């Protein structure tokens, strides 16, 4: 197993550590997971996007949140320029 040393400014490290605490995972594990995904042969862009979507849905489920498309604007609301002002 190899060891990696990364130098970060204090503000970046504190912010990253704070975000890791919010998701309930050690910063080291988040970085390891990211590096594994970065180095893996990810296939086509479509395959990568499918995996990312599934990962996001799992993270949302773990946080007690759920993606519900009906919570979005209707088609009419989306195209009503005054609705969002």
C-alpha atoms as a PDB file:
ATOM      1  CA  UNK A   1       0.000   0.000   0.000  1.00  0.00           C
ATOM      2  CA  UNK A   2       1.292   3.464  -0.896  1.00  0.00           C
ATOM      3  CA  UNK A   3       1.046   6.570   1.217  1.00  0.00           C
ATOM      4  CA  UNK A   4       0.224   9.971  -0.261  1.00  0.00           C
ATOM      5  CA  UNK A   5       1.041  13.319   1.288  1.00  0.00           C
ATOM      6  CA  UNK A   6      -1.005  16.336   0.239  1.00  0.00           C
ATOM      7  CA  UNK A   7      -0.263  19.925   1.202  1.00  0.00           C
ATOM      8  CA  UNK A   8      -3.295  22.197   1.563  1.00  0.00           C
ATOM      9  CA  UNK A   9      -3.729  25.667   2.932  1.00  0.00           C
ATOM     10  CA  UNK A  10      -5.449  25.790   6.324  1.00  0.00           C
ATOM     11  CA  UNK A  11      -8.715  27.231   5.015  1.00  0.00           C
ATOM     12  CA  UNK A  12      -9.126  24.539   2.338  1.00  0.00           C
ATOM     13  CA  UNK A  13      -8.335  21.767   4.795  1.00  0.00           C
ATOM     14  CA  UNK A  14     -10.740  23.128   7.420  1.00  0.00           C
ATOM     15  CA  UNK A  15     -13.510  23.476   4.845  1.00  0.00           C
ATOM     16  CA  UNK A  16     -12.955  19.961   3.478  1.00  0.00           C
ATOM     17  CA  UNK A  17     -12.841  18.471   6.965  1.00  0.00           C
ATOM     18  CA  UNK A  18     -16.064  20.304   7.868  1.00  0.00           C
ATOM     19  CA  UNK A  19     -17.812  18.956   4.754  1.00  0.00           C
ATOM     20  CA  UNK A  20     -16.611  15.432   5.576  1.00  0.00           C
ATOM     21  CA  UNK A  21     -18.058  15.757   9.080  1.00  0.00           C
ATOM     22  CA  UNK A  22     -21.387  16.850   7.592  1.00  0.00           C
ATOM     23  CA  UNK A  23     -21.624  13.664   5.532  1.00  0.00           C
ATOM     24  CA  UNK A  24     -20.375  11.553   8.429  1.00  0.00           C
ATOM     25  CA  UNK A  25     -17.261  10.148   6.771  1.00  0.00           C
ATOM     26  CA  UNK A  26     -13.559  10.655   7.434  1.00  0.00           C
ATOM     27  CA  UNK A  27     -11.890  12.979   4.949  1.00  0.00           C
ATOM     28  CA  UNK A  28      -9.276  10.315   4.201  1.00  0.00           C
ATOM     29  CA  UNK A  29     -11.936   7.819   3.068  1.00  0.00           C
ATOM     30  CA  UNK A  30     -13.601  10.442   0.880  1.00  0.00           C
ATOM     31  CA  UNK A  31     -10.255  11.140  -0.807  1.00  0.00           C
ATOM     32  CA  UNK A  32      -9.512   7.417  -1.252  1.00  0.00           C
ATOM     33  CA  UNK A  33     -12.938   6.845  -2.851  1.00  0.00           C
ATOM     34  CA  UNK A  34     -12.407   9.825  -5.152  1.00  0.00           C
ATOM     35  CA  UNK A  35      -8.949   8.593  -6.200  1.00  0.00           C
ATOM     36  CA  UNK A  36     -10.298   5.099  -6.885  1.00  0.00           C
ATOM     37  CA  UNK A  37     -12.998   6.538  -9.132  1.00  0.00           C
ATOM     38  CA  UNK A  38     -10.516   8.881 -10.788  1.00  0.00           C
ATOM     39  CA  UNK A  39      -8.085   6.087 -11.583  1.00  0.00           C
ATOM     40  CA  UNK A  40     -10.638   3.465 -12.630  1.00  0.00           C
ATOM     41  CA  UNK A  41     -11.474   2.768 -16.233  1.00  0.00           C
ATOM     42  CA  UNK A  42     -14.893   4.362 -16.262  1.00  0.00           C
ATOM     43  CA  UNK A  43     -16.057   3.324 -19.726  1.00  0.00           C
ATOM     44  CA  UNK A  44     -18.239   5.726 -21.667  1.00  0.00           C
ATOM     45  CA  UNK A  45     -19.442   9.085 -20.403  1.00  0.00           C
ATOM     46  CA  UNK A  46     -22.963   7.673 -20.253  1.00  0.00           C
ATOM     47  CA  UNK A  47     -21.836   4.797 -18.002  1.00  0.00           C
ATOM     48  CA  UNK A  48     -20.021   7.246 -15.730  1.00  0.00           C
ATOM     49  CA  UNK A  49     -23.081   9.480 -15.466  1.00  0.00           C
ATOM     50  CA  UNK A  50     -25.297   6.504 -14.587  1.00  0.00           C
ATOM     51  CA  UNK A  51     -22.880   5.521 -11.800  1.00  0.00           C
ATOM     52  CA  UNK A  52     -22.737   9.106 -10.511  1.00  0.00           C
ATOM     53  CA  UNK A  53     -26.525   9.344 -10.463  1.00  0.00           C
ATOM     54  CA  UNK A  54     -26.805   6.075  -8.542  1.00  0.00           C
ATOM     55  CA  UNK A  55     -24.179   7.227  -6.055  1.00  0.00           C
ATOM     56  CA  UNK A  56     -26.014  10.529  -5.511  1.00  0.00           C
ATOM     57  CA  UNK A  57     -29.324   8.717  -4.994  1.00  0.00           C
ATOM     58  CA  UNK A  58     -27.671   6.417  -2.411  1.00  0.00           C
ATOM     59  CA  UNK A  59     -26.151   9.407  -0.590  1.00  0.00           C
ATOM     60  CA  UNK A  60     -29.514  11.170  -0.538  1.00  0.00           C
ATOM     61  CA  UNK A  61     -31.206   8.029   0.797  1.00  0.00           C
ATOM     62  CA  UNK A  62     -28.593   7.691   3.565  1.00  0.00           C
ATOM     63  CA  UNK A  63     -29.302  11.293   4.555  1.00  0.00           C
ATOM     64  CA  UNK A  64     -33.032  10.594   4.702  1.00  0.00           C
ATOM     65  CA  UNK A  65     -33.735  12.597   1.554  1.00  0.00           C
ATOM     66  CA  UNK A  66     -35.440  11.378  -1.586  1.00  0.00           C
ATOM     67  CA  UNK A  67     -35.542  12.652  -5.151  1.00  0.00           C
ATOM     68  CA  UNK A  68     -39.119  13.239  -6.216  1.00  0.00           C
ATOM     69  CA  UNK A  69     -39.656  14.699  -9.662  1.00  0.00           C
ATOM     70  CA  UNK A  70     -43.153  15.912  -8.739  1.00  0.00           C
ATOM     71  CA  UNK A  71     -41.577  18.455  -6.381  1.00  0.00           C
ATOM     72  CA  UNK A  72     -40.365  20.368  -9.424  1.00  0.00           C
ATOM     73  CA  UNK A  73     -42.059  23.152 -11.324  1.00  0.00           C
ATOM     74  CA  UNK A  74     -44.785  22.242 -13.770  1.00  0.00           C
ATOM     75  CA  UNK A  75     -44.122  22.836 -17.444  1.00  0.00           C
ATOM     76  CA  UNK A  76     -46.297  25.971 -17.373  1.00  0.00           C
ATOM     77  CA  UNK A  77     -44.526  27.305 -14.271  1.00  0.00           C
ATOM     78  CA  UNK A  78     -41.165  26.582 -15.848  1.00  0.00           C
ATOM     79  CA  UNK A  79     -41.981  28.688 -18.912  1.00  0.00           C
ATOM     80  CA  UNK A  80     -43.731  31.499 -16.996  1.00  0.00           C
ATOM     81  CA  UNK A  81     -41.020  34.151 -16.828  1.00  0.00           C
ATOM     82  CA  UNK A  82     -42.802  36.085 -14.079  1.00  0.00           C
ATOM     83  CA  UNK A  83     -43.236  33.094 -11.751  1.00  0.00           C
ATOM     84  CA  UNK A  84     -39.620  33.135 -10.598  1.00  0.00           C
ATOM     85  CA  UNK A  85     -39.327  36.902 -10.037  1.00  0.00           C
END
